[in-house]
Amino acid sequence: MNAVYVRIGDYRSAYHTDADCPSLNGRQDTHKGQESMSEDEAKTQGLTACQRCKK
């Protein structure tokens, strides 16, 4: 089971494999941090894979 990162706050539509991804940490005015969860859990919440994360 792979751990992924998700935004806490607004604009939460993707999960990230790179904790330093600009899409995960951007929009500082609405960013409230990040949390980790399993990739399956993120998909269950309707999140999709980030296309900007390093593979």
PDB file of N, CA and C in Angstrom:
ATOM      1  N   MET A   1       0.852  -1.183   0.000  1.00  0.00           N
ATOM      2  CA  MET A   1       0.000   0.000   0.000  1.00  0.00           C
ATOM      3  C   MET A   1       0.894   1.242   0.000  1.00  0.00           C
ATOM      4  N   ASN A   2       0.701   2.110  -0.964  1.00  0.00           N
ATOM      5  CA  ASN A   2       1.510   3.311  -1.105  1.00  0.00           C
ATOM      6  C   ASN A   2       0.897   4.472  -0.345  1.00  0.00           C
ATOM      7  N   ALA A   3       1.742   5.204   0.366  1.00  0.00           N
ATOM      8  CA  ALA A   3       1.278   6.419   1.048  1.00  0.00           C
ATOM      9  C   ALA A   3       1.370   7.580   0.073  1.00  0.00           C
ATOM     10  N   VAL A   4       0.359   8.428   0.087  1.00  0.00           N
ATOM     11  CA  VAL A   4       0.321   9.627  -0.749  1.00  0.00           C
ATOM     12  C   VAL A   4       0.008  10.818   0.140  1.00  0.00           C
ATOM     13  N   TYR A   5       0.140  12.012  -0.409  1.00  0.00           N
ATOM     14  CA  TYR A   5      -0.085  13.246   0.332  1.00  0.00           C
ATOM     15  C   TYR A   5      -1.276  13.985  -0.259  1.00  0.00           C
ATOM     16  N   VAL A   6      -2.067  14.582   0.608  1.00  0.00           N
ATOM     17  CA  VAL A   6      -3.213  15.375   0.162  1.00  0.00           C
ATOM     18  C   VAL A   6      -3.221  16.701   0.908  1.00  0.00           C
ATOM     19  N   ARG A   7      -3.782  17.706   0.243  1.00  0.00           N
ATOM     20  CA  ARG A   7      -3.937  19.040   0.835  1.00  0.00           C
ATOM     21  C   ARG A   7      -4.966  19.026   1.933  1.00  0.00           C
ATOM     22  N   ILE A   8      -4.772  19.862   2.910  1.00  0.00           N
ATOM     23  CA  ILE A   8      -5.802  20.174   3.881  1.00  0.00           C
ATOM     24  C   ILE A   8      -6.274  21.575   3.511  1.00  0.00           C
ATOM     25  N   GLY A   9      -7.554  21.728   3.269  1.00  0.00           N
ATOM     26  CA  GLY A   9      -8.093  23.029   2.876  1.00  0.00           C
ATOM     27  C   GLY A   9      -8.766  22.972   1.526  1.00  0.00           C
ATOM     28  N   ASP A  10      -8.908  24.135   0.904  1.00  0.00           N
ATOM     29  CA  ASP A  10      -9.571  24.244  -0.391  1.00  0.00           C
ATOM     30  C   ASP A  10      -8.675  23.696  -1.510  1.00  0.00           C
ATOM     31  N   TYR A  11      -9.280  23.519  -2.672  1.00  0.00           N
ATOM     32  CA  TYR A  11      -8.576  23.054  -3.861  1.00  0.00           C
ATOM     33  C   TYR A  11      -7.964  21.670  -3.654  1.00  0.00           C
ATOM     34  N   ARG A  12      -8.715  20.804  -3.012  1.00  0.00           N
ATOM     35  CA  ARG A  12      -8.260  19.436  -2.750  1.00  0.00           C
ATOM     36  C   ARG A  12      -8.921  18.522  -3.776  1.00  0.00           C
ATOM     37  N   SER A  13      -8.238  18.256  -4.864  1.00  0.00           N
ATOM     38  CA  SER A  13      -8.806  17.403  -5.906  1.00  0.00           C
ATOM     39  C   SER A  13      -7.854  16.297  -6.333  1.00  0.00           C
ATOM     40  N   ALA A  14      -6.614  16.333  -5.857  1.00  0.00           N
ATOM     41  CA  ALA A  14      -5.620  15.355  -6.292  1.00  0.00           C
ATOM     42  C   ALA A  14      -4.820  14.841  -5.100  1.00  0.00           C
ATOM     43  N   TYR A  15      -4.241  13.667  -5.294  1.00  0.00           N
ATOM     44  CA  TYR A  15      -3.276  13.159  -4.317  1.00  0.00           C
ATOM     45  C   TYR A  15      -1.893  13.211  -4.957  1.00  0.00           C
ATOM     46  N   HIS A  16      -0.889  13.297  -4.116  1.00  0.00           N
ATOM     47  CA  HIS A  16       0.471  13.565  -4.575  1.00  0.00           C
ATOM     48  C   HIS A  16       1.435  12.511  -4.052  1.00  0.00           C
ATOM     49  N   THR A  17       2.371  12.106  -4.895  1.00  0.00           N
ATOM     50  CA  THR A  17       3.416  11.176  -4.490  1.00  0.00           C
ATOM     51  C   THR A  17       4.656  11.913  -4.008  1.00  0.00           C
ATOM     52  N   ASP A  18       4.763  13.184  -4.326  1.00  0.00           N
ATOM     53  CA  ASP A  18       5.905  14.027  -3.956  1.00  0.00           C
ATOM     54  C   ASP A  18       5.440  15.068  -2.929  1.00  0.00           C
ATOM     55  N   ALA A  19       5.938  14.974  -1.712  1.00  0.00           N
ATOM     56  CA  ALA A  19       5.527  15.895  -0.650  1.00  0.00           C
ATOM     57  C   ALA A  19       5.928  17.336  -0.944  1.00  0.00           C
ATOM     58  N   ASP A  20       6.847  17.552  -1.878  1.00  0.00           N
ATOM     59  CA  ASP A  20       7.294  18.895  -2.227  1.00  0.00           C
ATOM     60  C   ASP A  20       6.661  19.414  -3.521  1.00  0.00           C
ATOM     61  N   CYS A  21       5.650  18.740  -4.015  1.00  0.00           N
ATOM     62  CA  CYS A  21       4.997  19.134  -5.267  1.00  0.00           C
ATOM     63  C   CYS A  21       4.440  20.557  -5.155  1.00  0.00           C
ATOM     64  N   PRO A  22       4.686  21.408  -6.152  1.00  0.00           N
ATOM     65  CA  PRO A  22       4.150  22.778  -6.132  1.00  0.00           C
ATOM     66  C   PRO A  22       2.619  22.813  -6.072  1.00  0.00           C
ATOM     67  N   SER A  23       1.965  21.842  -6.684  1.00  0.00           N
ATOM     68  CA  SER A  23       0.492  21.814  -6.650  1.00  0.00           C
ATOM     69  C   SER A  23      -0.038  21.478  -5.263  1.00  0.00           C
ATOM     70  N   LEU A  24       0.714  20.736  -4.506  1.00  0.00           N
ATOM     71  CA  LEU A  24       0.312  20.374  -3.143  1.00  0.00           C
ATOM     72  C   LEU A  24       0.509  21.540  -2.186  1.00  0.00           C
ATOM     73  N   ASN A  25       1.571  22.288  -2.366  1.00  0.00           N
ATOM     74  CA  ASN A  25       1.952  23.329  -1.414  1.00  0.00           C
ATOM     75  C   ASN A  25       1.649  24.742  -1.886  1.00  0.00           C
ATOM     76  N   GLY A  26       1.106  24.914  -3.074  1.00  0.00           N
ATOM     77  CA  GLY A  26       0.820  26.231  -3.617  1.00  0.00           C
ATOM     78  C   GLY A  26      -0.419  26.856  -3.003  1.00  0.00           C
ATOM     79  N   ARG A  27      -0.776  28.023  -3.502  1.00  0.00           N
ATOM     80  CA  ARG A  27      -1.943  28.780  -3.020  1.00  0.00           C
ATOM     81  C   ARG A  27      -1.892  28.917  -1.497  1.00  0.00           C
ATOM     82  N   GLN A  28      -0.879  29.553  -1.032  1.00  0.00           N
ATOM     83  CA  GLN A  28      -0.655  29.667   0.412  1.00  0.00           C
ATOM     84  C   GLN A  28      -1.823  30.310   1.152  1.00  0.00           C
ATOM     85  N   ASP A  29      -2.621  31.112   0.466  1.00  0.00           N
ATOM     86  CA  ASP A  29      -3.757  31.749   1.134  1.00  0.00           C
ATOM     87  C   ASP A  29      -4.841  30.738   1.501  1.00  0.00           C
ATOM     88  N   THR A  30      -4.883  29.589   0.837  1.00  0.00           N
ATOM     89  CA  THR A  30      -5.893  28.571   1.155  1.00  0.00           C
ATOM     90  C   THR A  30      -5.278  27.272   1.661  1.00  0.00           C
ATOM     91  N   HIS A  31      -3.968  27.227   1.769  1.00  0.00           N
ATOM     92  CA  HIS A  31      -3.264  26.003   2.190  1.00  0.00           C
ATOM     93  C   HIS A  31      -3.251  25.900   3.707  1.00  0.00           C
ATOM     94  N   LYS A  32      -3.720  24.785   4.218  1.00  0.00           N
ATOM     95  CA  LYS A  32      -3.740  24.575   5.670  1.00  0.00           C
ATOM     96  C   LYS A  32      -2.881  23.386   6.070  1.00  0.00           C
ATOM     97  N   GLY A  33      -1.956  23.001   5.199  1.00  0.00           N
ATOM     98  CA  GLY A  33      -1.069  21.888   5.491  1.00  0.00           C
ATOM     99  C   GLY A  33      -1.366  20.697   4.599  1.00  0.00           C
ATOM    100  N   GLN A  34      -0.757  19.576   4.948  1.00  0.00           N
ATOM    101  CA  GLN A  34      -0.957  18.348   4.196  1.00  0.00           C
ATOM    102  C   GLN A  34      -1.035  17.175   5.146  1.00  0.00           C
ATOM    103  N   GLU A  35      -1.657  16.104   4.682  1.00  0.00           N
ATOM    104  CA  GLU A  35      -1.746  14.883   5.453  1.00  0.00           C
ATOM    105  C   GLU A  35      -1.441  13.719   4.536  1.00  0.00           C
ATOM    106  N   SER A  36      -1.061  12.596   5.107  1.00  0.00           N
ATOM    107  CA  SER A  36      -0.807  11.411   4.299  1.00  0.00           C
ATOM    108  C   SER A  36      -1.900  10.383   4.541  1.00  0.00           C
ATOM    109  N   MET A  37      -2.111   9.556   3.531  1.00  0.00           N
ATOM    110  CA  MET A  37      -3.088   8.472   3.598  1.00  0.00           C
ATOM    111  C   MET A  37      -2.710   7.471   2.524  1.00  0.00           C
ATOM    112  N   SER A  38      -3.375   6.341   2.500  1.00  0.00           N
ATOM    113  CA  SER A  38      -3.086   5.354   1.464  1.00  0.00           C
ATOM    114  C   SER A  38      -3.637   5.841   0.129  1.00  0.00           C
ATOM    115  N   GLU A  39      -3.047   5.377  -0.934  1.00  0.00           N
ATOM    116  CA  GLU A  39      -3.521   5.755  -2.265  1.00  0.00           C
ATOM    117  C   GLU A  39      -4.962   5.287  -2.466  1.00  0.00           C
ATOM    118  N   ASP A  40      -5.291   4.104  -1.964  1.00  0.00           N
ATOM    119  CA  ASP A  40      -6.664   3.593  -2.085  1.00  0.00           C
ATOM    120  C   ASP A  40      -7.661   4.492  -1.359  1.00  0.00           C
ATOM    121  N   GLU A  41      -7.291   4.973  -0.178  1.00  0.00           N
ATOM    122  CA  GLU A  41      -8.170   5.871   0.579  1.00  0.00           C
ATOM    123  C   GLU A  41      -8.386   7.182  -0.174  1.00  0.00           C
ATOM    124  N   ALA A  42      -7.318   7.705  -0.776  1.00  0.00           N
ATOM    125  CA  ALA A  42      -7.432   8.947  -1.552  1.00  0.00           C
ATOM    126  C   ALA A  42      -8.376   8.750  -2.735  1.00  0.00           C
ATOM    127  N   LYS A  43      -8.245   7.623  -3.427  1.00  0.00           N
ATOM    128  CA  LYS A  43      -9.129   7.338  -4.564  1.00  0.00           C
ATOM    129  C   LYS A  43     -10.569   7.200  -4.107  1.00  0.00           C
ATOM    130  N   THR A  44     -10.778   6.589  -2.941  1.00  0.00           N
ATOM    131  CA  THR A  44     -12.125   6.436  -2.390  1.00  0.00           C
ATOM    132  C   THR A  44     -12.760   7.799  -2.129  1.00  0.00           C
ATOM    133  N   GLN A  45     -11.943   8.786  -1.777  1.00  0.00           N
ATOM    134  CA  GLN A  45     -12.439  10.139  -1.525  1.00  0.00           C
ATOM    135  C   GLN A  45     -12.638  10.927  -2.822  1.00  0.00           C
ATOM    136  N   GLY A  46     -12.413  10.287  -3.960  1.00  0.00           N
ATOM    137  CA  GLY A  46     -12.620  10.935  -5.244  1.00  0.00           C
ATOM    138  C   GLY A  46     -11.426  11.720  -5.756  1.00  0.00           C
ATOM    139  N   LEU A  47     -10.271  11.577  -5.134  1.00  0.00           N
ATOM    140  CA  LEU A  47      -9.077  12.298  -5.560  1.00  0.00           C
ATOM    141  C   LEU A  47      -8.404  11.551  -6.711  1.00  0.00           C
ATOM    142  N   THR A  48      -7.760  12.294  -7.593  1.00  0.00           N
ATOM    143  CA  THR A  48      -7.051  11.702  -8.719  1.00  0.00           C
ATOM    144  C   THR A  48      -5.552  11.977  -8.582  1.00  0.00           C
ATOM    145  N   ALA A  49      -4.756  11.232  -9.322  1.00  0.00           N
ATOM    146  CA  ALA A  49      -3.300  11.373  -9.258  1.00  0.00           C
ATOM    147  C   ALA A  49      -2.866  12.718  -9.836  1.00  0.00           C
ATOM    148  N   CYS A  50      -1.985  13.398  -9.157  1.00  0.00           N
ATOM    149  CA  CYS A  50      -1.423  14.659  -9.635  1.00  0.00           C
ATOM    150  C   CYS A  50      -0.539  14.391 -10.847  1.00  0.00           C
ATOM    151  N   GLN A  51      -0.682  15.200 -11.858  1.00  0.00           N
ATOM    152  CA  GLN A  51       0.129  15.058 -13.063  1.00  0.00           C
ATOM    153  C   GLN A  51       1.458  15.796 -12.980  1.00  0.00           C
ATOM    154  N   ARG A  52       1.645  16.627 -11.934  1.00  0.00           N
ATOM    155  CA  ARG A  52       2.893  17.390 -11.801  1.00  0.00           C
ATOM    156  C   ARG A  52       3.929  16.700 -10.918  1.00  0.00           C
ATOM    157  N   CYS A  53       3.499  15.731 -10.112  1.00  0.00           N
ATOM    158  CA  CYS A  53       4.437  15.055  -9.208  1.00  0.00           C
ATOM    159  C   CYS A  53       5.500  14.285  -9.987  1.00  0.00           C
ATOM    160  N   LYS A  54       6.678  14.250  -9.414  1.00  0.00           N
ATOM    161  CA  LYS A  54       7.756  13.460 -10.000  1.00  0.00           C
ATOM    162  C   LYS A  54       7.381  11.990  -9.899  1.00  0.00           C
ATOM    163  N   LYS A  55       7.622  11.258 -10.951  1.00  0.00           N
ATOM    164  CA  LYS A  55       7.274   9.826 -10.963  1.00  0.00           C
ATOM    165  C   LYS A  55       8.358   8.999 -10.351  1.00  0.00           C
TER     166      LYS A  55
END
